[in-house]
Amino acid sequence: MEGESTDYIDFYQLKDLLEVKDSELMKLYFREIYKDLITKADTNNPAKVSKIIFMEYINLPLIISEKLFNSFDHDKDGYLSLKEFVKNLTDLFTGSFEEVMSIIFSLLDFDLDGFIIPQDVKLLLSYLPLNIKNEYKFQMASLSEIDGIILQLFNGRRNLNLTEF
């Protein structure tokens, strides 16, 4: 729309575009996926999904899928239980703004100290594709754009906690 600022994305508008309305249906869907994934589980813990199985399923760049697994593994046992798998994926697709931001923040908090720093954000963003007029390019080709995002996000601060984020 002409004259409107395009400097931000409306979270709720984005959720509507994804057309995921029923969180209970999503939970059933993710439970079925989990059942399928545990058939591939290792013999040490056959009732849970290992990091390797999760990373194969999620099929994202290595660093992003590993960070996602670690943020979902709340009990830090190296496996995802049914509850961890279903709740986190459902939150990611149908959760509130706060739930989704919490997941994203945990992806960016590399040392798990409750703060994110510009270098970690830059590293993770460099692996995400950038959509420019329906043509994707990797962020590494556009580090100056990432620097601009980080500069705006941190606004001179050395780190951010979840509330500031």
Protein backbone atom coordinates (compact mmCIF):
# COMPACT_ATOMS: atom_id res chain seq x y z
CA MET A 1 0.00 0.00 0.00
CA GLU A 2 1.38 3.31 -1.00
CA GLY A 3 2.50 5.58 1.82
CA GLU A 4 2.50 2.80 4.44
CA SER A 5 5.70 1.82 6.21
CA THR A 6 7.03 -1.61 5.34
CA ASP A 7 9.64 -1.64 8.11
CA TYR A 8 7.81 -4.29 10.12
CA ILE A 9 5.81 -7.47 9.72
CA ASP A 10 2.48 -7.79 11.47
CA PHE A 11 2.72 -11.10 13.37
CA TYR A 12 -1.01 -11.79 13.37
CA GLN A 13 -1.30 -10.99 9.67
CA LEU A 14 1.52 -13.43 8.99
CA LYS A 15 -0.26 -16.13 11.03
CA ASP A 16 -3.43 -15.55 9.00
CA LEU A 17 -1.45 -15.96 5.77
CA LEU A 18 -0.20 -19.35 7.00
CA GLU A 19 -3.86 -20.33 7.42
CA VAL A 20 -3.20 -22.45 10.51
CA LYS A 21 -6.30 -21.96 12.60
CA ASP A 22 -6.82 -25.09 14.69
CA SER A 23 -4.09 -25.77 17.24
CA GLU A 24 -5.75 -29.05 18.31
CA LEU A 25 -5.56 -30.30 14.73
CA MET A 26 -1.90 -29.29 14.60
CA LYS A 27 -1.25 -31.21 17.82
CA LEU A 28 -2.80 -34.35 16.30
CA TYR A 29 -0.72 -33.86 13.17
CA PHE A 30 2.52 -33.47 15.14
CA ARG A 31 1.64 -36.51 17.31
CA GLU A 32 1.37 -38.60 14.14
CA ILE A 33 4.71 -37.30 12.89
CA TYR A 34 6.24 -38.09 16.28
CA LYS A 35 4.91 -41.67 16.14
CA ASP A 36 6.53 -42.07 12.74
CA LEU A 37 9.83 -40.58 13.92
CA ILE A 38 10.15 -42.85 16.95
CA THR A 39 9.99 -45.86 14.66
CA LYS A 40 13.42 -44.65 13.52
CA ALA A 41 14.58 -44.04 17.12
CA ASP A 42 17.82 -45.42 18.44
CA THR A 43 17.83 -48.35 20.82
CA ASN A 44 19.06 -46.26 23.79
CA ASN A 45 15.79 -44.36 24.02
CA PRO A 46 13.18 -45.83 21.66
CA ALA A 47 10.27 -43.72 23.00
CA LYS A 48 11.90 -40.38 22.17
CA VAL A 49 13.21 -38.57 19.10
CA SER A 50 16.99 -38.12 18.95
CA LYS A 51 18.72 -35.00 17.68
CA ILE A 52 19.80 -36.77 14.49
CA ILE A 53 16.28 -37.98 13.67
CA PHE A 54 14.85 -34.51 14.40
CA MET A 55 17.48 -32.79 12.24
CA GLU A 56 16.75 -35.17 9.35
CA TYR A 57 13.02 -34.46 9.68
CA ILE A 58 13.25 -30.68 10.06
CA ASN A 59 15.67 -30.38 7.09
CA LEU A 60 17.06 -26.92 7.85
CA PRO A 61 20.66 -25.74 7.75
CA LEU A 62 22.67 -27.62 10.39
CA ILE A 63 23.16 -24.76 12.83
CA ILE A 64 19.49 -23.76 12.74
CA SER A 65 18.16 -27.30 13.16
CA GLU A 66 20.57 -27.97 16.03
CA LYS A 67 19.59 -24.72 17.78
CA LEU A 68 15.91 -25.54 17.25
CA PHE A 69 16.38 -29.01 18.74
CA ASN A 70 18.24 -27.58 21.74
CA SER A 71 15.52 -24.97 22.35
CA PHE A 72 12.84 -27.71 22.23
CA ASP A 73 14.76 -30.09 24.54
CA HIS A 74 13.63 -28.49 27.81
CA ASP A 75 14.90 -31.28 30.07
CA LYS A 76 18.26 -31.29 28.24
CA ASP A 77 18.39 -35.10 27.99
CA GLY A 78 19.40 -35.10 24.31
CA TYR A 79 15.99 -36.38 23.15
CA LEU A 80 12.58 -34.89 22.47
CA SER A 81 9.66 -36.37 24.32
CA LEU A 82 6.20 -36.39 22.78
CA LYS A 83 5.25 -33.41 24.92
CA GLU A 84 8.35 -31.38 23.94
CA PHE A 85 7.94 -32.18 20.25
CA VAL A 86 4.22 -31.48 19.98
CA LYS A 87 4.08 -28.41 22.25
CA ASN A 88 7.02 -26.61 20.65
CA LEU A 89 6.04 -27.25 17.04
CA THR A 90 2.43 -26.33 17.79
CA ASP A 91 3.59 -23.14 19.52
CA LEU A 92 5.80 -22.32 16.55
CA PHE A 93 2.90 -22.59 14.09
CA THR A 94 -0.13 -21.55 16.14
CA GLY A 95 1.29 -19.94 19.28
CA SER A 96 0.86 -16.42 20.51
CA PHE A 97 3.34 -13.71 19.67
CA GLU A 98 5.00 -14.22 23.07
CA GLU A 99 5.33 -18.00 22.58
CA VAL A 100 6.89 -17.62 19.14
CA MET A 101 9.24 -14.86 20.34
CA SER A 102 10.37 -17.08 23.20
CA ILE A 103 11.30 -19.85 20.75
CA ILE A 104 13.11 -17.42 18.45
CA PHE A 105 14.93 -15.88 21.41
CA SER A 106 16.09 -19.32 22.59
CA LEU A 107 17.48 -19.96 19.09
CA LEU A 108 19.50 -16.77 19.32
CA ASP A 109 20.74 -17.31 22.90
CA PHE A 110 23.80 -19.40 22.04
CA ASP A 111 25.29 -19.56 25.55
CA LEU A 112 21.91 -19.95 27.30
CA ASP A 113 22.56 -17.04 29.67
CA GLY A 114 19.25 -15.27 29.01
CA PHE A 115 20.81 -12.65 26.70
CA ILE A 116 21.38 -12.43 22.96
CA ILE A 117 24.33 -10.64 21.39
CA PRO A 118 24.72 -9.14 17.91
CA GLN A 119 27.31 -11.69 16.77
CA ASP A 120 25.01 -14.65 17.48
CA VAL A 121 22.06 -13.00 15.75
CA LYS A 122 24.25 -12.25 12.73
CA LEU A 123 25.48 -15.83 12.57
CA LEU A 124 21.99 -17.30 12.62
CA LEU A 125 20.52 -14.75 10.20
CA SER A 126 23.31 -15.46 7.72
CA TYR A 127 21.86 -18.95 7.22
CA LEU A 128 18.32 -17.81 6.44
CA PRO A 129 17.29 -17.17 2.83
CA LEU A 130 16.19 -13.67 1.96
CA ASN A 131 13.14 -13.26 -0.26
CA ILE A 132 13.51 -10.36 -2.65
CA LYS A 133 10.62 -10.07 -5.09
CA ASN A 134 9.99 -13.85 -4.94
CA GLU A 135 13.63 -14.63 -5.71
CA TYR A 136 15.54 -16.19 -2.83
CA LYS A 137 19.19 -15.52 -2.12
CA PHE A 138 21.25 -16.51 0.86
CA GLN A 139 21.82 -13.89 3.52
CA MET A 140 25.60 -14.34 3.25
CA ALA A 141 25.29 -12.40 -0.01
CA SER A 142 23.68 -9.60 1.92
CA LEU A 143 25.64 -9.10 5.14
CA SER A 144 25.17 -5.33 5.01
CA GLU A 145 21.39 -5.88 5.20
CA ILE A 146 21.88 -8.13 8.22
CA ASP A 147 24.10 -5.48 9.82
CA GLY A 148 21.29 -2.97 9.36
CA ILE A 149 18.76 -5.28 11.01
CA ILE A 150 21.13 -5.89 13.94
CA LEU A 151 21.91 -2.20 14.32
CA GLN A 152 18.20 -1.41 14.48
CA LEU A 153 17.45 -4.32 16.85
CA PHE A 154 20.24 -3.64 19.35
CA ASN A 155 20.24 0.16 19.00
CA GLY A 156 23.72 0.50 20.54
CA ARG A 157 23.20 -2.07 23.31
CA ARG A 158 25.68 -4.93 23.79
CA ASN A 159 22.99 -7.52 24.51
CA LEU A 160 19.23 -7.97 24.92
CA ASN A 161 17.14 -10.06 27.28
CA LEU A 162 13.83 -11.62 26.22
CA THR A 163 11.77 -8.62 27.37
CA GLU A 164 13.95 -6.15 25.46
CA PHE A 165 13.92 -8.41 22.41
